[in-house]
C-alpha atoms as a PDB file:
ATOM      1  CA  GLU A   1      -2.718   1.706  -2.137  1.00  0.00           C
ATOM      2  CA  LEU A   2      -4.285   4.331   0.243  1.00  0.00           C
ATOM      3  CA  GLU A   3      -3.587   2.127   3.266  1.00  0.00           C
ATOM      4  CA  LEU A   4       0.202   1.808   2.133  1.00  0.00           C
ATOM      5  CA  THR A   5       0.367   5.584   1.636  1.00  0.00           C
ATOM      6  CA  ALA A   6      -1.199   6.140   5.029  1.00  0.00           C
ATOM      7  CA  LEU A   7       1.386   3.841   6.569  1.00  0.00           C
ATOM      8  CA  VAL A   8       4.354   5.865   4.970  1.00  0.00           C
ATOM      9  CA  GLU A   9       2.758   9.162   5.994  1.00  0.00           C
ATOM     10  CA  GLU A  10       1.796   8.116   9.507  1.00  0.00           C
ATOM     11  CA  GLU A  11       4.943   6.470  10.467  1.00  0.00           C
ATOM     12  CA  HIS A  12       7.174   9.062   8.645  1.00  0.00           C
ATOM     13  CA  LYS A  13       9.667   6.472   8.033  1.00  0.00           C
ATOM     14  CA  PRO A  14      11.037   5.855   4.429  1.00  0.00           C
ATOM     15  CA  SER A  15      11.256   2.285   3.429  1.00  0.00           C
ATOM     16  CA  LYS A  16      14.530   1.015   1.894  1.00  0.00           C
ATOM     17  CA  ALA A  17      14.828  -2.057  -0.236  1.00  0.00           C
ATOM     18  CA  SER A  18      17.948  -3.320   1.492  1.00  0.00           C
ATOM     19  CA  LYS A  19      18.720  -6.810   2.561  1.00  0.00           C
ATOM     20  CA  ASP A  20      19.022  -7.086   6.417  1.00  0.00           C
ATOM     21  CA  GLY A  21      20.790 -10.537   7.241  1.00  0.00           C
ATOM     22  CA  ASP A  22      18.550 -13.188   5.780  1.00  0.00           C
ATOM     23  CA  GLU A  23      15.460 -11.059   5.477  1.00  0.00           C
ATOM     24  CA  ILE A  24      14.381 -10.101   2.180  1.00  0.00           C
ATOM     25  CA  PRO A  25      13.004  -6.539   1.359  1.00  0.00           C
ATOM     26  CA  LEU A  26       9.490  -7.949   0.787  1.00  0.00           C
ATOM     27  CA  ASN A  27       9.375  -9.755   4.089  1.00  0.00           C
ATOM     28  CA  LYS A  28      10.732  -6.588   5.931  1.00  0.00           C
ATOM     29  CA  ALA A  29       8.045  -4.543   4.245  1.00  0.00           C
ATOM     30  CA  LEU A  30       5.276  -6.873   5.137  1.00  0.00           C
ATOM     31  CA  LYS A  31       6.357  -6.802   8.744  1.00  0.00           C
ATOM     32  CA  GLN A  32       6.240  -3.046   8.711  1.00  0.00           C
ATOM     33  CA  ALA A  33       2.901  -2.989   6.990  1.00  0.00           C
ATOM     34  CA  MET A  34       1.644  -5.644   9.596  1.00  0.00           C
ATOM     35  CA  LYS A  35       2.544  -3.355  12.573  1.00  0.00           C
ATOM     36  CA  TRP A  36       0.398  -0.649  11.078  1.00  0.00           C
ATOM     37  CA  CYS A  37      -2.461  -3.121  10.256  1.00  0.00           C
ATOM     38  CA  ARG A  38      -2.487  -4.659  13.853  1.00  0.00           C
ATOM     39  CA  LYS A  39      -3.893  -1.248  15.076  1.00  0.00           C
ATOM     40  CA  LYS A  40      -6.535  -1.181  12.348  1.00  0.00           C
ATOM     41  CA  THR A  41      -7.741  -4.605  11.529  1.00  0.00           C
ATOM     42  CA  ARG A  42      -7.953  -8.215  13.042  1.00  0.00           C
ATOM     43  CA  LYS A  43      -7.007  -9.973   9.793  1.00  0.00           C
ATOM     44  CA  VAL A  44      -5.077  -9.266   6.644  1.00  0.00           C
ATOM     45  CA  ILE A  45      -4.932 -10.778   3.087  1.00  0.00           C
ATOM     46  CA  ILE A  46      -1.732 -10.907   1.275  1.00  0.00           C
ATOM     47  CA  LEU A  47      -1.972 -11.533  -2.465  1.00  0.00           C
ATOM     48  CA  PRO A  48       1.173 -11.221  -4.762  1.00  0.00           C
ATOM     49  CA  SER A  49       0.472  -9.155  -7.845  1.00  0.00           C
ATOM     50  CA  ASP A  50       1.549 -12.040 -10.245  1.00  0.00           C
ATOM     51  CA  ILE A  51      -1.529 -14.169  -9.912  1.00  0.00           C
ATOM     52  CA  PRO A  52      -2.955 -13.584 -13.533  1.00  0.00           C
ATOM     53  CA  LEU A  53      -5.916 -15.999 -13.195  1.00  0.00           C
ATOM     54  CA  ILE A  54      -7.409 -14.769  -9.808  1.00  0.00           C
ATOM     55  CA  GLY A  55     -11.009 -13.641  -9.967  1.00  0.00           C
ATOM     56  CA  LYS A  56     -13.251 -11.936  -7.616  1.00  0.00           C
ATOM     57  CA  THR A  57     -14.928 -15.140  -6.563  1.00  0.00           C
ATOM     58  CA  ASN A  58     -11.628 -16.615  -5.576  1.00  0.00           C
ATOM     59  CA  VAL A  59     -10.903 -13.730  -3.220  1.00  0.00           C
ATOM     60  CA  LYS A  60     -14.399 -13.674  -1.952  1.00  0.00           C
ATOM     61  CA  LEU A  61     -14.405 -17.412  -1.147  1.00  0.00           C
ATOM     62  CA  LEU A  62     -10.990 -16.762   0.873  1.00  0.00           C
ATOM     63  CA  ILE A  63     -12.656 -13.954   2.751  1.00  0.00           C
ATOM     64  CA  ASP A  64     -15.701 -15.962   3.510  1.00  0.00           C
ATOM     65  CA  GLN A  65     -13.480 -18.783   4.737  1.00  0.00           C
ATOM     66  CA  ALA A  66     -11.477 -16.249   7.052  1.00  0.00           C
ATOM     67  CA  LYS A  67     -14.620 -15.443   9.059  1.00  0.00           C
ATOM     68  CA  ASN A  68     -14.235 -18.757  10.972  1.00  0.00           C
ATOM     69  CA  LEU A  69     -10.393 -19.142  10.584  1.00  0.00           C
ATOM     70  CA  ASP A  70      -7.276 -17.330  11.629  1.00  0.00           C
ATOM     71  CA  PHE A  71      -4.823 -18.737   8.970  1.00  0.00           C
ATOM     72  CA  ILE A  72      -5.451 -19.650   5.379  1.00  0.00           C
ATOM     73  CA  ILE A  73      -2.674 -20.332   2.955  1.00  0.00           C
ATOM     74  CA  VAL A  74      -2.861 -20.799  -0.785  1.00  0.00           C
ATOM     75  CA  PRO A  75       0.106 -22.724  -2.401  1.00  0.00           C
ATOM     76  CA  SER A  76       1.445 -21.787  -5.714  1.00  0.00           C
ATOM     77  CA  LYS A  77       2.290 -24.626  -8.231  1.00  0.00           C
ATOM     78  CA  GLY A  78       6.110 -24.010  -7.808  1.00  0.00           C
ATOM     79  CA  GLY A  79       6.163 -24.427  -3.914  1.00  0.00           C
ATOM     80  CA  GLY A  80       5.795 -20.794  -3.072  1.00  0.00           C
ATOM     81  CA  THR A  81       2.741 -18.828  -1.320  1.00  0.00           C
ATOM     82  CA  ASN A  82       0.082 -17.193  -3.471  1.00  0.00           C
ATOM     83  CA  ALA A  83      -2.143 -15.949  -0.761  1.00  0.00           C
ATOM     84  CA  LEU A  84      -2.231 -15.648   2.900  1.00  0.00           C
ATOM     85  CA  ILE A  85      -5.005 -14.563   5.293  1.00  0.00           C
ATOM     86  CA  ILE A  86      -3.594 -14.190   8.951  1.00  0.00           C
ATOM     87  CA  LYS A  87      -3.726 -11.971  12.105  1.00  0.00           C
ATOM     88  CA  PRO A  88      -1.108  -9.288  11.678  1.00  0.00           C
ATOM     89  CA  LEU A  89       2.333 -10.269  13.025  1.00  0.00           C
ATOM     90  CA  SER A  90       0.967 -13.897  13.944  1.00  0.00           C
ATOM     91  CA  ILE A  91       3.913 -15.453  11.967  1.00  0.00           C
ATOM     92  CA  ASP A  92       7.080 -14.080  10.617  1.00  0.00           C
ATOM     93  CA  MET A  93       6.819 -13.575   6.713  1.00  0.00           C
ATOM     94  CA  LYS A  94       8.923 -15.948   4.886  1.00  0.00           C
ATOM     95  CA  PHE A  95       8.244 -15.036   1.079  1.00  0.00           C
ATOM     96  CA  GLY A  96      10.961 -16.089  -1.357  1.00  0.00           C
ATOM     97  CA  GLY A  97      12.086 -19.492  -2.396  1.00  0.00           C
ATOM     98  CA  PHE A  98       9.688 -22.351  -1.424  1.00  0.00           C
ATOM     99  CA  SER A  99       7.754 -20.226   0.914  1.00  0.00           C
ATOM    100  CA  PHE A 100       4.686 -22.304   1.330  1.00  0.00           C
ATOM    101  CA  LYS A 101       6.589 -24.957   3.464  1.00  0.00           C
ATOM    102  CA  LYS A 102       8.479 -22.112   5.463  1.00  0.00           C
ATOM    103  CA  HIS A 103       4.948 -20.461   6.292  1.00  0.00           C
ATOM    104  CA  ILE A 104       3.469 -23.796   7.331  1.00  0.00           C
ATOM    105  CA  GLU A 105       6.478 -24.279   9.495  1.00  0.00           C
ATOM    106  CA  GLU A 106       6.051 -20.937  11.091  1.00  0.00           C
ATOM    107  CA  ALA A 107       2.442 -21.548  11.681  1.00  0.00           C
ATOM    108  CA  GLU A 108       3.438 -24.981  13.408  1.00  0.00           C
ATOM    109  CA  LYS A 109       5.863 -23.100  15.684  1.00  0.00           C
ATOM    110  CA  LYS A 110       2.977 -20.951  17.069  1.00  0.00           C
ATOM    111  CA  LYS A 111       0.700 -23.926  17.408  1.00  0.00           C
ATOM    112  CA  MET A 112      -1.520 -22.776  14.430  1.00  0.00           C
ATOM    113  CA  ALA A 113      -3.223 -25.071  12.105  1.00  0.00           C
ATOM    114  CA  PRO A 114      -3.574 -23.245   8.894  1.00  0.00           C
ATOM    115  CA  LEU A 115      -6.192 -24.234   6.291  1.00  0.00           C
ATOM    116  CA  VAL A 116      -4.402 -25.070   3.019  1.00  0.00           C
ATOM    117  CA  HIS A 117      -6.693 -23.749   0.316  1.00  0.00           C
ATOM    118  CA  ASP A 118      -5.915 -25.363  -3.146  1.00  0.00           C
ATOM    119  CA  SER A 119      -7.046 -23.444  -6.058  1.00  0.00           C
ATOM    120  CA  PHE A 120      -5.921 -23.948  -9.758  1.00  0.00           C
ATOM    121  CA  TYR A 121      -6.705 -20.325 -10.500  1.00  0.00           C
ATOM    122  CA  MET A 122      -4.764 -19.043  -7.556  1.00  0.00           C
ATOM    123  CA  ALA A 123      -1.788 -21.410  -7.861  1.00  0.00           C
ATOM    124  CA  LEU A 124      -0.571 -20.212 -11.148  1.00  0.00           C
ATOM    125  CA  ASP A 125       1.895 -17.218 -10.874  1.00  0.00           C
ATOM    126  CA  VAL A 126       4.207 -15.896 -13.626  1.00  0.00           C
ATOM    127  CA  ASN A 127       7.767 -17.237 -13.299  1.00  0.00           C
ATOM    128  CA  THR A 128       8.411 -19.224 -16.400  1.00  0.00           C
ATOM    129  CA  THR A 129       7.617 -19.263 -20.167  1.00  0.00           C
ATOM    130  CA  GLU A 130       5.287 -22.124 -19.527  1.00  0.00           C
ATOM    131  CA  ASP A 131       3.324 -20.126 -17.080  1.00  0.00           C
ATOM    132  CA  LEU A 132       2.627 -17.796 -19.996  1.00  0.00           C
ATOM    133  CA  GLY A 133       1.343 -20.774 -21.962  1.00  0.00           C
ATOM    134  CA  GLU A 134      -0.977 -21.701 -19.106  1.00  0.00           C
ATOM    135  CA  ILE A 135      -2.408 -18.042 -19.172  1.00  0.00           C
ATOM    136  CA  MET A 136      -3.132 -18.372 -23.046  1.00  0.00           C
ATOM    137  CA  LEU A 137      -4.956 -21.817 -22.202  1.00  0.00           C
ATOM    138  CA  HIS A 138      -6.747 -20.814 -19.144  1.00  0.00           C
ATOM    139  CA  GLY A 139      -6.983 -17.061 -18.878  1.00  0.00           C
ATOM    140  CA  ASN A 140     -10.137 -16.361 -20.997  1.00  0.00           C
ATOM    141  CA  GLY A 141     -11.539 -12.919 -20.223  1.00  0.00           C
ATOM    142  CA  THR A 142      -8.432 -11.861 -18.226  1.00  0.00           C
ATOM    143  CA  GLU A 143      -6.487  -8.716 -19.003  1.00  0.00           C
ATOM    144  CA  THR A 144      -3.230 -10.640 -18.932  1.00  0.00           C
ATOM    145  CA  LYS A 145      -4.315 -12.930 -21.852  1.00  0.00           C
ATOM    146  CA  LYS A 146      -5.489  -9.962 -23.847  1.00  0.00           C
ATOM    147  CA  TYR A 147      -2.030  -8.244 -23.174  1.00  0.00           C
ATOM    148  CA  LEU A 148      -0.068 -11.476 -24.164  1.00  0.00           C
ATOM    149  CA  GLU A 149      -2.211 -11.785 -27.335  1.00  0.00           C
ATOM    150  CA  SER A 150      -1.318  -8.177 -28.199  1.00  0.00           C
ATOM    151  CA  LEU A 151       2.336  -9.188 -28.159  1.00  0.00           C
ATOM    152  CA  GLY A 152       1.715 -11.990 -30.361  1.00  0.00           C
ATOM    153  CA  ILE A 153       2.214 -14.746 -27.746  1.00  0.00           C
ATOM    154  CA  LYS A 154       1.152 -18.299 -29.124  1.00  0.00           C
ATOM    155  CA  VAL A 155       1.017 -21.520 -27.328  1.00  0.00           C
ATOM    156  CA  GLU A 156       0.926 -25.159 -28.716  1.00  0.00           C
ATOM    157  CA  SER A 157       1.103 -28.485 -27.147  1.00  0.00           C
ATOM    158  CA  CYS A 158       4.470 -30.082 -27.120  1.00  0.00           C
ATOM    159  CA  HIS A 159       5.753 -33.382 -25.798  1.00  0.00           C
ATOM    160  CA  GLY A 160       9.253 -33.194 -24.737  1.00  0.00           C
ATOM    161  CA  HIS A 161      10.991 -31.302 -21.961  1.00  0.00           C
ATOM    162  CA  GLU A 162       8.286 -28.826 -21.654  1.00  0.00           C
ATOM    163  CA  ARG A 163       4.632 -29.578 -21.942  1.00  0.00           C
ATOM    164  CA  LEU A 164       3.823 -26.380 -23.717  1.00  0.00           C
ATOM    165  CA  LYS A 165       5.621 -24.507 -26.429  1.00  0.00           C
ATOM    166  CA  VAL A 166       5.328 -20.785 -26.115  1.00  0.00           C
ATOM    167  CA  THR A 167       6.266 -18.467 -28.937  1.00  0.00           C
ATOM    168  CA  ARG A 168       6.141 -14.949 -30.056  1.00  0.00           C
ATOM    169  CA  ASP A 169       5.200 -13.548 -33.614  1.00  0.00           C
ATOM    170  CA  ASN A 170       8.288 -12.414 -35.480  1.00  0.00           C
ATOM    171  CA  GLU A 171      10.725 -14.611 -33.553  1.00  0.00           C
END
């Protein structure tokens, strides 16, 4: 948060959430942040905010791996990207849609060999009702699970179209 504030204050450029051609606002914002980071650090870690099962040990492992690697990518269970450790501006950001494949393709264009870090706890992001069920099953001790419980969210096994049935009290 402080670094992002410093970026805005240092550059004196307001950021707009407008779509430029095919570039989505997140990718544009990340590119702007990377320009600032390139002057300050050798590598950056990008973590979306909707990874409810991630813990300190997951992040520490990524950082430890990054000591010897220039590109680490964590896929989401839906084909997206749930973490990147890269040198600033080493690839174009391709978040949105099936970004995992797009980021791998960007790395290959630059002759980079990314380490694919598969992690159950980092693969889950929050996009569907079933994802909430996964949090209820596997999110012991997380603030997200506590919050979902406070909303009356319940989960049960279901054999049919979806694997889990997620309901809310009073529905």
